[in-house]
N, C-alpha and C. Protein backbone atom coordinates (compact mmCIF):
# COMPACT_ATOMS: atom_id res chain seq x y z
N UNK A 1 9.47 -68.07 -76.05
CA UNK A 1 10.58 -68.15 -75.11
C UNK A 1 10.27 -67.23 -73.93
N UNK A 2 10.46 -67.72 -72.74
CA UNK A 2 10.17 -66.93 -71.55
C UNK A 2 11.34 -66.03 -71.19
N UNK A 3 11.09 -65.11 -70.26
CA UNK A 3 12.16 -64.23 -69.78
C UNK A 3 13.34 -65.06 -69.28
N UNK A 4 13.04 -66.08 -68.52
CA UNK A 4 14.10 -66.92 -67.99
C UNK A 4 14.91 -67.56 -69.10
N UNK A 5 14.26 -67.98 -70.16
CA UNK A 5 14.96 -68.65 -71.25
C UNK A 5 15.98 -67.73 -71.92
N UNK A 6 15.58 -66.53 -72.31
CA UNK A 6 16.54 -65.68 -73.01
C UNK A 6 17.60 -65.15 -72.07
N UNK A 7 17.30 -65.06 -70.79
CA UNK A 7 18.29 -64.60 -69.82
C UNK A 7 19.31 -65.67 -69.46
N UNK A 8 18.97 -66.92 -69.71
CA UNK A 8 19.88 -68.01 -69.33
C UNK A 8 20.61 -68.65 -70.51
N UNK A 9 20.29 -68.24 -71.72
CA UNK A 9 21.03 -68.75 -72.88
C UNK A 9 22.49 -68.34 -72.77
N UNK A 10 23.36 -69.15 -73.31
CA UNK A 10 24.76 -68.72 -73.40
C UNK A 10 24.80 -67.50 -74.32
N UNK A 11 25.85 -66.70 -74.19
CA UNK A 11 25.98 -65.52 -75.05
C UNK A 11 25.96 -65.92 -76.52
N UNK A 12 26.63 -67.01 -76.85
CA UNK A 12 26.68 -67.46 -78.24
C UNK A 12 25.30 -67.86 -78.74
N UNK A 13 24.55 -68.59 -77.93
CA UNK A 13 23.20 -69.00 -78.33
C UNK A 13 22.26 -67.81 -78.41
N UNK A 14 22.41 -66.87 -77.50
CA UNK A 14 21.59 -65.65 -77.51
C UNK A 14 21.80 -64.88 -78.82
N UNK A 15 23.07 -64.67 -79.16
CA UNK A 15 23.39 -63.93 -80.39
C UNK A 15 22.90 -64.70 -81.62
N UNK A 16 23.11 -66.00 -81.64
CA UNK A 16 22.67 -66.80 -82.78
C UNK A 16 21.15 -66.70 -82.96
N UNK A 17 20.41 -66.71 -81.87
CA UNK A 17 18.95 -66.67 -81.95
C UNK A 17 18.42 -65.29 -82.32
N UNK A 18 19.03 -64.23 -81.79
CA UNK A 18 18.43 -62.90 -81.90
C UNK A 18 19.16 -61.92 -82.82
N UNK A 19 20.27 -62.30 -83.41
CA UNK A 19 21.01 -61.38 -84.28
C UNK A 19 20.15 -60.85 -85.43
N UNK A 20 19.19 -61.63 -85.87
CA UNK A 20 18.36 -61.24 -87.02
C UNK A 20 17.38 -60.10 -86.70
N UNK A 21 17.22 -59.75 -85.44
CA UNK A 21 16.22 -58.73 -85.12
C UNK A 21 16.72 -57.31 -85.38
N UNK A 22 18.04 -57.14 -85.52
CA UNK A 22 18.61 -55.84 -85.85
C UNK A 22 19.40 -56.03 -87.15
N UNK A 23 18.92 -55.45 -88.20
CA UNK A 23 19.43 -55.67 -89.55
C UNK A 23 20.96 -55.54 -89.65
N UNK A 24 21.63 -56.62 -89.98
CA UNK A 24 23.08 -56.65 -90.23
C UNK A 24 23.89 -55.93 -89.15
N UNK A 25 23.46 -56.04 -87.90
CA UNK A 25 24.15 -55.36 -86.79
C UNK A 25 24.23 -56.28 -85.57
N UNK A 26 24.94 -57.40 -85.70
CA UNK A 26 24.99 -58.34 -84.57
C UNK A 26 25.61 -57.76 -83.31
N UNK A 27 26.41 -56.72 -83.44
CA UNK A 27 27.04 -56.11 -82.27
C UNK A 27 26.00 -55.61 -81.27
N UNK A 28 24.82 -55.21 -81.77
CA UNK A 28 23.76 -54.74 -80.87
C UNK A 28 23.32 -55.89 -79.96
N UNK A 29 23.09 -57.05 -80.55
CA UNK A 29 22.62 -58.20 -79.79
C UNK A 29 23.75 -58.74 -78.90
N UNK A 30 24.99 -58.65 -79.36
CA UNK A 30 26.12 -59.05 -78.52
C UNK A 30 26.18 -58.19 -77.25
N UNK A 31 25.99 -56.89 -77.41
CA UNK A 31 25.98 -56.01 -76.24
C UNK A 31 24.77 -56.30 -75.34
N UNK A 32 23.64 -56.59 -75.94
CA UNK A 32 22.46 -56.94 -75.13
C UNK A 32 22.72 -58.21 -74.33
N UNK A 33 23.38 -59.17 -74.94
CA UNK A 33 23.69 -60.43 -74.23
C UNK A 33 24.53 -60.14 -72.98
N UNK A 34 25.45 -59.20 -73.10
CA UNK A 34 26.33 -58.88 -71.97
C UNK A 34 25.60 -58.11 -70.86
N UNK A 35 24.47 -57.52 -71.16
CA UNK A 35 23.72 -56.72 -70.18
C UNK A 35 22.67 -57.51 -69.42
N UNK A 36 22.45 -58.75 -69.82
CA UNK A 36 21.41 -59.53 -69.15
C UNK A 36 21.74 -59.72 -67.69
N UNK A 37 20.73 -59.96 -66.86
CA UNK A 37 19.33 -60.21 -67.20
C UNK A 37 18.53 -58.92 -67.32
N UNK A 38 17.45 -59.00 -68.10
CA UNK A 38 16.47 -57.93 -68.15
C UNK A 38 15.09 -58.54 -68.27
N UNK A 39 14.11 -57.75 -67.87
CA UNK A 39 12.73 -58.26 -67.82
C UNK A 39 12.11 -58.37 -69.19
N UNK A 40 12.49 -57.49 -70.11
CA UNK A 40 11.87 -57.45 -71.43
C UNK A 40 12.96 -57.48 -72.49
N UNK A 41 12.95 -58.48 -73.32
CA UNK A 41 13.98 -58.66 -74.34
C UNK A 41 14.05 -57.49 -75.31
N UNK A 42 12.90 -57.05 -75.81
CA UNK A 42 12.89 -55.93 -76.76
C UNK A 42 13.46 -54.68 -76.12
N UNK A 43 13.04 -54.39 -74.90
CA UNK A 43 13.55 -53.20 -74.22
C UNK A 43 15.06 -53.29 -73.99
N UNK A 44 15.56 -54.48 -73.70
CA UNK A 44 16.99 -54.66 -73.53
C UNK A 44 17.76 -54.36 -74.79
N UNK A 45 17.26 -54.82 -75.92
CA UNK A 45 17.93 -54.57 -77.20
C UNK A 45 17.80 -53.10 -77.59
N UNK A 46 16.62 -52.52 -77.41
CA UNK A 46 16.41 -51.11 -77.75
C UNK A 46 17.28 -50.22 -76.85
N UNK A 47 17.50 -50.61 -75.60
CA UNK A 47 18.37 -49.83 -74.71
C UNK A 47 19.80 -49.78 -75.23
N UNK A 48 20.26 -50.88 -75.81
CA UNK A 48 21.60 -50.88 -76.41
C UNK A 48 21.65 -49.86 -77.54
N UNK A 49 20.61 -49.82 -78.36
CA UNK A 49 20.56 -48.83 -79.45
C UNK A 49 20.56 -47.41 -78.90
N UNK A 50 19.81 -47.18 -77.84
CA UNK A 50 19.73 -45.84 -77.24
C UNK A 50 21.08 -45.40 -76.68
N UNK A 51 21.85 -46.37 -76.17
CA UNK A 51 23.14 -46.05 -75.57
C UNK A 51 24.28 -46.03 -76.59
N UNK A 52 24.00 -46.40 -77.81
CA UNK A 52 25.03 -46.43 -78.85
C UNK A 52 25.50 -45.01 -79.17
N UNK A 53 26.71 -44.92 -79.68
CA UNK A 53 27.23 -43.61 -80.08
C UNK A 53 26.47 -43.12 -81.32
N UNK A 54 26.53 -41.84 -81.60
CA UNK A 54 25.87 -41.34 -82.81
C UNK A 54 26.33 -42.07 -84.08
N UNK A 55 27.62 -42.33 -84.19
CA UNK A 55 28.12 -43.05 -85.38
C UNK A 55 27.59 -44.47 -85.43
N UNK A 56 27.48 -45.13 -84.28
CA UNK A 56 26.94 -46.49 -84.25
C UNK A 56 25.46 -46.49 -84.64
N UNK A 57 24.70 -45.49 -84.17
CA UNK A 57 23.28 -45.42 -84.56
C UNK A 57 23.14 -45.26 -86.06
N UNK A 58 23.94 -44.40 -86.64
CA UNK A 58 23.88 -44.21 -88.10
C UNK A 58 24.29 -45.50 -88.81
N UNK A 59 25.24 -46.25 -88.25
CA UNK A 59 25.64 -47.51 -88.89
C UNK A 59 24.47 -48.50 -88.88
N UNK A 60 23.66 -48.51 -87.83
CA UNK A 60 22.49 -49.39 -87.78
C UNK A 60 21.47 -48.95 -88.82
N UNK A 61 21.27 -47.66 -88.95
CA UNK A 61 20.35 -47.15 -89.98
C UNK A 61 20.85 -47.54 -91.36
N UNK A 62 22.14 -47.34 -91.61
CA UNK A 62 22.71 -47.67 -92.92
C UNK A 62 22.68 -49.16 -93.22
N UNK A 63 22.56 -49.99 -92.22
CA UNK A 63 22.50 -51.44 -92.43
C UNK A 63 21.17 -51.87 -93.04
N UNK A 64 20.17 -50.98 -93.00
CA UNK A 64 18.86 -51.30 -93.56
C UNK A 64 18.86 -51.07 -95.07
N UNK A 65 18.15 -51.91 -95.80
CA UNK A 65 18.09 -51.73 -97.26
C UNK A 65 17.11 -50.61 -97.62
N UNK A 66 17.31 -50.04 -98.80
CA UNK A 66 16.31 -49.12 -99.33
C UNK A 66 15.02 -49.90 -99.55
N UNK A 67 13.91 -49.27 -99.31
CA UNK A 67 12.62 -49.92 -99.58
C UNK A 67 12.42 -50.01 -101.08
N UNK A 68 12.13 -51.21 -101.54
CA UNK A 68 11.95 -51.47 -102.97
C UNK A 68 13.17 -51.04 -103.77
N UNK A 69 14.35 -51.13 -103.15
CA UNK A 69 15.58 -50.69 -103.78
C UNK A 69 16.35 -51.80 -104.45
N UNK A 70 17.65 -51.55 -104.63
CA UNK A 70 18.52 -52.48 -105.36
C UNK A 70 18.53 -53.88 -104.76
N UNK A 71 18.60 -53.96 -103.44
CA UNK A 71 18.66 -55.29 -102.81
C UNK A 71 17.38 -56.07 -103.07
N UNK A 72 16.25 -55.38 -103.05
CA UNK A 72 14.97 -56.05 -103.32
C UNK A 72 14.94 -56.55 -104.76
N UNK A 73 15.39 -55.72 -105.67
CA UNK A 73 15.39 -56.08 -107.09
C UNK A 73 16.35 -57.25 -107.34
N UNK A 74 17.51 -57.20 -106.68
CA UNK A 74 18.52 -58.25 -106.87
C UNK A 74 18.20 -59.52 -106.09
N UNK A 75 17.23 -59.45 -105.19
CA UNK A 75 16.87 -60.62 -104.39
C UNK A 75 17.86 -60.91 -103.28
N UNK A 76 18.53 -59.87 -102.78
CA UNK A 76 19.54 -60.08 -101.74
C UNK A 76 19.12 -59.54 -100.37
N UNK A 77 17.84 -59.29 -100.18
CA UNK A 77 17.35 -58.86 -98.87
C UNK A 77 17.46 -59.99 -97.87
N UNK A 78 17.60 -59.65 -96.59
CA UNK A 78 17.50 -60.69 -95.56
C UNK A 78 16.09 -61.25 -95.63
N UNK A 79 15.91 -62.44 -95.12
CA UNK A 79 14.57 -63.05 -95.11
C UNK A 79 13.59 -62.16 -94.38
N UNK A 80 14.04 -61.54 -93.29
CA UNK A 80 13.16 -60.66 -92.51
C UNK A 80 12.73 -59.45 -93.33
N UNK A 81 13.68 -58.79 -93.99
CA UNK A 81 13.34 -57.61 -94.79
C UNK A 81 12.46 -57.97 -95.98
N UNK A 82 12.74 -59.10 -96.61
CA UNK A 82 11.92 -59.53 -97.74
C UNK A 82 10.47 -59.74 -97.31
N UNK A 83 10.27 -60.42 -96.21
CA UNK A 83 8.93 -60.67 -95.69
C UNK A 83 8.24 -59.36 -95.31
N UNK A 84 8.97 -58.47 -94.65
CA UNK A 84 8.39 -57.20 -94.22
C UNK A 84 8.00 -56.34 -95.43
N UNK A 85 8.88 -56.24 -96.41
CA UNK A 85 8.56 -55.42 -97.58
C UNK A 85 7.38 -56.02 -98.34
N UNK A 86 7.32 -57.34 -98.43
CA UNK A 86 6.18 -57.98 -99.09
C UNK A 86 4.89 -57.72 -98.34
N UNK A 87 4.96 -57.66 -97.00
CA UNK A 87 3.75 -57.42 -96.20
C UNK A 87 3.12 -56.07 -96.51
N UNK A 88 3.94 -55.12 -96.96
CA UNK A 88 3.44 -53.79 -97.33
C UNK A 88 3.17 -53.69 -98.83
N UNK A 89 3.32 -54.80 -99.54
CA UNK A 89 3.05 -54.81 -100.97
C UNK A 89 4.15 -54.20 -101.82
N UNK A 90 5.34 -54.05 -101.26
CA UNK A 90 6.42 -53.43 -102.03
C UNK A 90 6.96 -54.34 -103.12
N UNK A 91 6.55 -55.59 -103.09
CA UNK A 91 6.95 -56.52 -104.15
C UNK A 91 5.90 -56.58 -105.26
N UNK A 92 4.85 -55.77 -105.14
CA UNK A 92 3.76 -55.78 -106.12
C UNK A 92 3.38 -54.36 -106.55
N UNK A 93 4.35 -53.52 -106.78
CA UNK A 93 4.08 -52.13 -107.12
C UNK A 93 3.85 -51.94 -108.60
N UNK A 94 3.09 -50.92 -108.91
CA UNK A 94 2.93 -50.50 -110.30
C UNK A 94 4.20 -49.75 -110.72
N UNK A 95 4.39 -49.58 -112.01
CA UNK A 95 5.56 -48.84 -112.51
C UNK A 95 5.60 -47.42 -111.94
N UNK A 96 4.48 -46.68 -111.91
CA UNK A 96 4.55 -45.33 -111.33
C UNK A 96 4.89 -45.34 -109.83
N UNK A 97 4.39 -46.33 -109.08
CA UNK A 97 4.73 -46.42 -107.67
C UNK A 97 6.23 -46.71 -107.50
N UNK A 98 6.74 -47.63 -108.31
CA UNK A 98 8.15 -47.96 -108.23
C UNK A 98 9.00 -46.72 -108.54
N UNK A 99 8.61 -45.97 -109.57
CA UNK A 99 9.35 -44.75 -109.92
C UNK A 99 9.32 -43.74 -108.78
N UNK A 100 8.18 -43.61 -108.11
CA UNK A 100 8.05 -42.69 -106.97
C UNK A 100 8.94 -43.15 -105.82
N UNK A 101 8.94 -44.44 -105.51
CA UNK A 101 9.82 -44.96 -104.47
C UNK A 101 11.28 -44.68 -104.81
N UNK A 102 11.65 -44.96 -106.05
CA UNK A 102 13.04 -44.75 -106.47
C UNK A 102 13.44 -43.28 -106.33
N UNK A 103 12.58 -42.37 -106.75
CA UNK A 103 12.89 -40.94 -106.65
C UNK A 103 13.00 -40.49 -105.19
N UNK A 104 12.07 -40.95 -104.36
CA UNK A 104 12.12 -40.56 -102.95
C UNK A 104 13.32 -41.19 -102.23
N UNK A 105 13.63 -42.45 -102.55
CA UNK A 105 14.83 -43.08 -101.98
C UNK A 105 16.07 -42.27 -102.33
N UNK A 106 16.19 -41.86 -103.59
CA UNK A 106 17.35 -41.09 -104.04
C UNK A 106 17.43 -39.74 -103.33
N UNK A 107 16.31 -39.05 -103.23
CA UNK A 107 16.28 -37.73 -102.57
C UNK A 107 16.62 -37.88 -101.09
N UNK A 108 16.05 -38.88 -100.46
CA UNK A 108 16.27 -39.11 -99.04
C UNK A 108 17.74 -39.45 -98.77
N UNK A 109 18.29 -40.37 -99.55
CA UNK A 109 19.69 -40.75 -99.38
C UNK A 109 20.63 -39.58 -99.60
N UNK A 110 20.34 -38.75 -100.59
CA UNK A 110 21.17 -37.57 -100.86
C UNK A 110 21.10 -36.58 -99.70
N UNK A 111 19.93 -36.43 -99.12
CA UNK A 111 19.75 -35.45 -98.04
C UNK A 111 20.38 -35.92 -96.72
N UNK A 112 20.20 -37.20 -96.38
CA UNK A 112 20.60 -37.66 -95.06
C UNK A 112 21.83 -38.57 -95.04
N UNK A 113 22.17 -39.19 -96.15
CA UNK A 113 23.34 -40.06 -96.18
C UNK A 113 23.08 -41.46 -95.66
N UNK A 114 21.82 -41.81 -95.54
CA UNK A 114 21.43 -43.16 -95.14
C UNK A 114 20.05 -43.44 -95.69
N UNK A 115 19.66 -44.73 -95.73
CA UNK A 115 18.37 -45.08 -96.32
C UNK A 115 17.20 -44.71 -95.40
N UNK A 116 16.07 -44.49 -96.00
CA UNK A 116 14.83 -44.26 -95.28
C UNK A 116 14.44 -45.53 -94.54
N UNK A 117 14.15 -45.42 -93.24
CA UNK A 117 13.75 -46.58 -92.45
C UNK A 117 12.39 -46.31 -91.84
N UNK A 118 11.49 -47.26 -92.06
CA UNK A 118 10.17 -47.22 -91.45
C UNK A 118 9.77 -48.66 -91.18
N UNK A 119 9.01 -48.86 -90.13
CA UNK A 119 8.51 -50.20 -89.84
C UNK A 119 7.34 -50.47 -90.79
N UNK A 120 7.64 -51.12 -91.91
CA UNK A 120 6.64 -51.30 -92.96
C UNK A 120 5.47 -52.16 -92.53
N UNK A 121 5.66 -52.97 -91.52
CA UNK A 121 4.55 -53.82 -91.05
C UNK A 121 3.48 -53.00 -90.31
N UNK A 122 3.77 -51.73 -90.05
CA UNK A 122 2.81 -50.87 -89.37
C UNK A 122 2.13 -49.89 -90.33
N UNK A 123 2.31 -50.08 -91.65
CA UNK A 123 1.74 -49.15 -92.62
C UNK A 123 1.52 -49.87 -93.95
N UNK A 124 1.27 -49.10 -94.99
CA UNK A 124 1.11 -49.66 -96.34
C UNK A 124 1.89 -48.80 -97.32
N UNK A 125 1.82 -49.14 -98.61
CA UNK A 125 2.60 -48.40 -99.61
C UNK A 125 2.31 -46.91 -99.57
N UNK A 126 1.04 -46.55 -99.52
CA UNK A 126 0.68 -45.13 -99.52
C UNK A 126 1.23 -44.44 -98.28
N UNK A 127 1.14 -45.10 -97.14
CA UNK A 127 1.67 -44.53 -95.90
C UNK A 127 3.17 -44.37 -95.94
N UNK A 128 3.84 -45.33 -96.54
CA UNK A 128 5.30 -45.25 -96.67
C UNK A 128 5.68 -44.07 -97.56
N UNK A 129 5.03 -43.96 -98.71
CA UNK A 129 5.32 -42.85 -99.62
C UNK A 129 5.05 -41.51 -98.95
N UNK A 130 3.96 -41.42 -98.23
CA UNK A 130 3.62 -40.18 -97.53
C UNK A 130 4.69 -39.85 -96.49
N UNK A 131 5.09 -40.85 -95.71
CA UNK A 131 6.11 -40.63 -94.69
C UNK A 131 7.45 -40.24 -95.31
N UNK A 132 7.81 -40.86 -96.42
CA UNK A 132 9.07 -40.51 -97.08
C UNK A 132 9.07 -39.04 -97.48
N UNK A 133 7.99 -38.60 -98.10
CA UNK A 133 7.90 -37.20 -98.54
C UNK A 133 7.92 -36.25 -97.34
N UNK A 134 7.18 -36.58 -96.30
CA UNK A 134 7.12 -35.73 -95.11
C UNK A 134 8.47 -35.68 -94.40
N UNK A 135 9.11 -36.82 -94.25
CA UNK A 135 10.35 -36.87 -93.49
C UNK A 135 11.52 -36.24 -94.23
N UNK A 136 11.40 -36.03 -95.52
CA UNK A 136 12.44 -35.30 -96.25
C UNK A 136 12.58 -33.87 -95.72
N UNK A 137 11.55 -33.37 -95.05
CA UNK A 137 11.58 -32.02 -94.49
C UNK A 137 12.30 -31.95 -93.14
N UNK A 138 12.57 -33.09 -92.52
CA UNK A 138 13.23 -33.11 -91.22
C UNK A 138 14.68 -32.68 -91.32
N UNK A 139 15.23 -32.22 -90.19
CA UNK A 139 16.68 -32.04 -90.12
C UNK A 139 17.30 -33.40 -89.81
N UNK A 140 18.61 -33.50 -89.95
CA UNK A 140 19.27 -34.81 -89.81
C UNK A 140 19.10 -35.38 -88.40
N UNK A 141 19.23 -34.56 -87.39
CA UNK A 141 19.10 -35.05 -86.00
C UNK A 141 17.71 -35.65 -85.77
N UNK A 142 16.69 -34.96 -86.23
CA UNK A 142 15.32 -35.46 -86.09
C UNK A 142 15.15 -36.75 -86.86
N UNK A 143 15.74 -36.82 -88.02
CA UNK A 143 15.57 -38.01 -88.85
C UNK A 143 16.32 -39.21 -88.27
N UNK A 144 17.48 -39.00 -87.68
CA UNK A 144 18.17 -40.10 -87.01
C UNK A 144 17.30 -40.62 -85.87
N UNK A 145 16.74 -39.72 -85.07
CA UNK A 145 15.88 -40.13 -83.96
C UNK A 145 14.65 -40.86 -84.46
N UNK A 146 14.05 -40.38 -85.53
CA UNK A 146 12.86 -41.02 -86.10
C UNK A 146 13.20 -42.41 -86.62
N UNK A 147 14.31 -42.52 -87.33
CA UNK A 147 14.72 -43.83 -87.86
C UNK A 147 15.00 -44.80 -86.72
N UNK A 148 15.63 -44.33 -85.65
CA UNK A 148 15.92 -45.23 -84.52
C UNK A 148 14.63 -45.67 -83.83
N UNK A 149 13.65 -44.79 -83.75
CA UNK A 149 12.35 -45.17 -83.19
C UNK A 149 11.70 -46.25 -84.06
N UNK A 150 11.77 -46.09 -85.37
CA UNK A 150 11.23 -47.09 -86.29
C UNK A 150 11.97 -48.42 -86.15
N UNK A 151 13.28 -48.36 -85.97
CA UNK A 151 14.06 -49.59 -85.77
C UNK A 151 13.61 -50.28 -84.50
N UNK A 152 13.28 -49.53 -83.47
CA UNK A 152 12.73 -50.12 -82.25
C UNK A 152 11.46 -50.90 -82.53
N UNK A 153 10.57 -50.33 -83.36
CA UNK A 153 9.34 -51.06 -83.74
C UNK A 153 9.68 -52.33 -84.51
N UNK A 154 10.65 -52.23 -85.41
CA UNK A 154 11.06 -53.40 -86.20
C UNK A 154 11.58 -54.50 -85.28
N UNK A 155 12.43 -54.12 -84.32
CA UNK A 155 12.98 -55.08 -83.37
C UNK A 155 11.84 -55.80 -82.63
N UNK A 156 10.89 -55.03 -82.12
CA UNK A 156 9.80 -55.62 -81.36
C UNK A 156 8.99 -56.61 -82.22
N UNK A 157 8.67 -56.22 -83.43
CA UNK A 157 7.89 -57.10 -84.30
C UNK A 157 8.67 -58.32 -84.73
N UNK A 158 9.96 -58.17 -84.98
CA UNK A 158 10.77 -59.33 -85.33
C UNK A 158 10.86 -60.31 -84.15
N UNK A 159 10.96 -59.77 -82.94
CA UNK A 159 10.98 -60.66 -81.78
C UNK A 159 9.66 -61.40 -81.63
N UNK A 160 8.55 -60.72 -81.88
CA UNK A 160 7.24 -61.40 -81.82
C UNK A 160 7.16 -62.53 -82.84
N UNK A 161 7.74 -62.32 -84.01
CA UNK A 161 7.75 -63.33 -85.06
C UNK A 161 8.58 -64.54 -84.64
N UNK A 162 9.66 -64.31 -83.89
CA UNK A 162 10.50 -65.41 -83.43
C UNK A 162 9.84 -66.24 -82.34
N UNK A 163 8.97 -65.62 -81.56
CA UNK A 163 8.39 -66.29 -80.39
C UNK A 163 7.58 -67.51 -80.74
């Protein structure tokens, strides 16, 4: 889709096409639709995230599933999250890897009050585990900023997949 195409879609068609790029947060894409035109679709959506209130940013982070967590086990991930987690091999973990993910997810959630978010398509299981352990040392403000940066990468890659 060209710049002209996404800038000329009706708001309803724009939201219907792009709501999937921000996990369970269609309000982000609704706001982006209202801000058009822009030269770069990803930058337009990421700008909405940057301008969101602190509570709204945390709500976007909380909309993401735990990696290899309950939603993955129950089979209730969005198609996008399922594909992304599978790309990093999170659907093919050994029992010790699964236990490590579960422990780090629990520690991370207890510390920050939201799930760990990383663009899994840019790393692998070992990289994710390493990042989870390292990021547990961050303060909450740093971790919110880091998670939002990762969500920006996710948005960009999801848009590339739609193209």
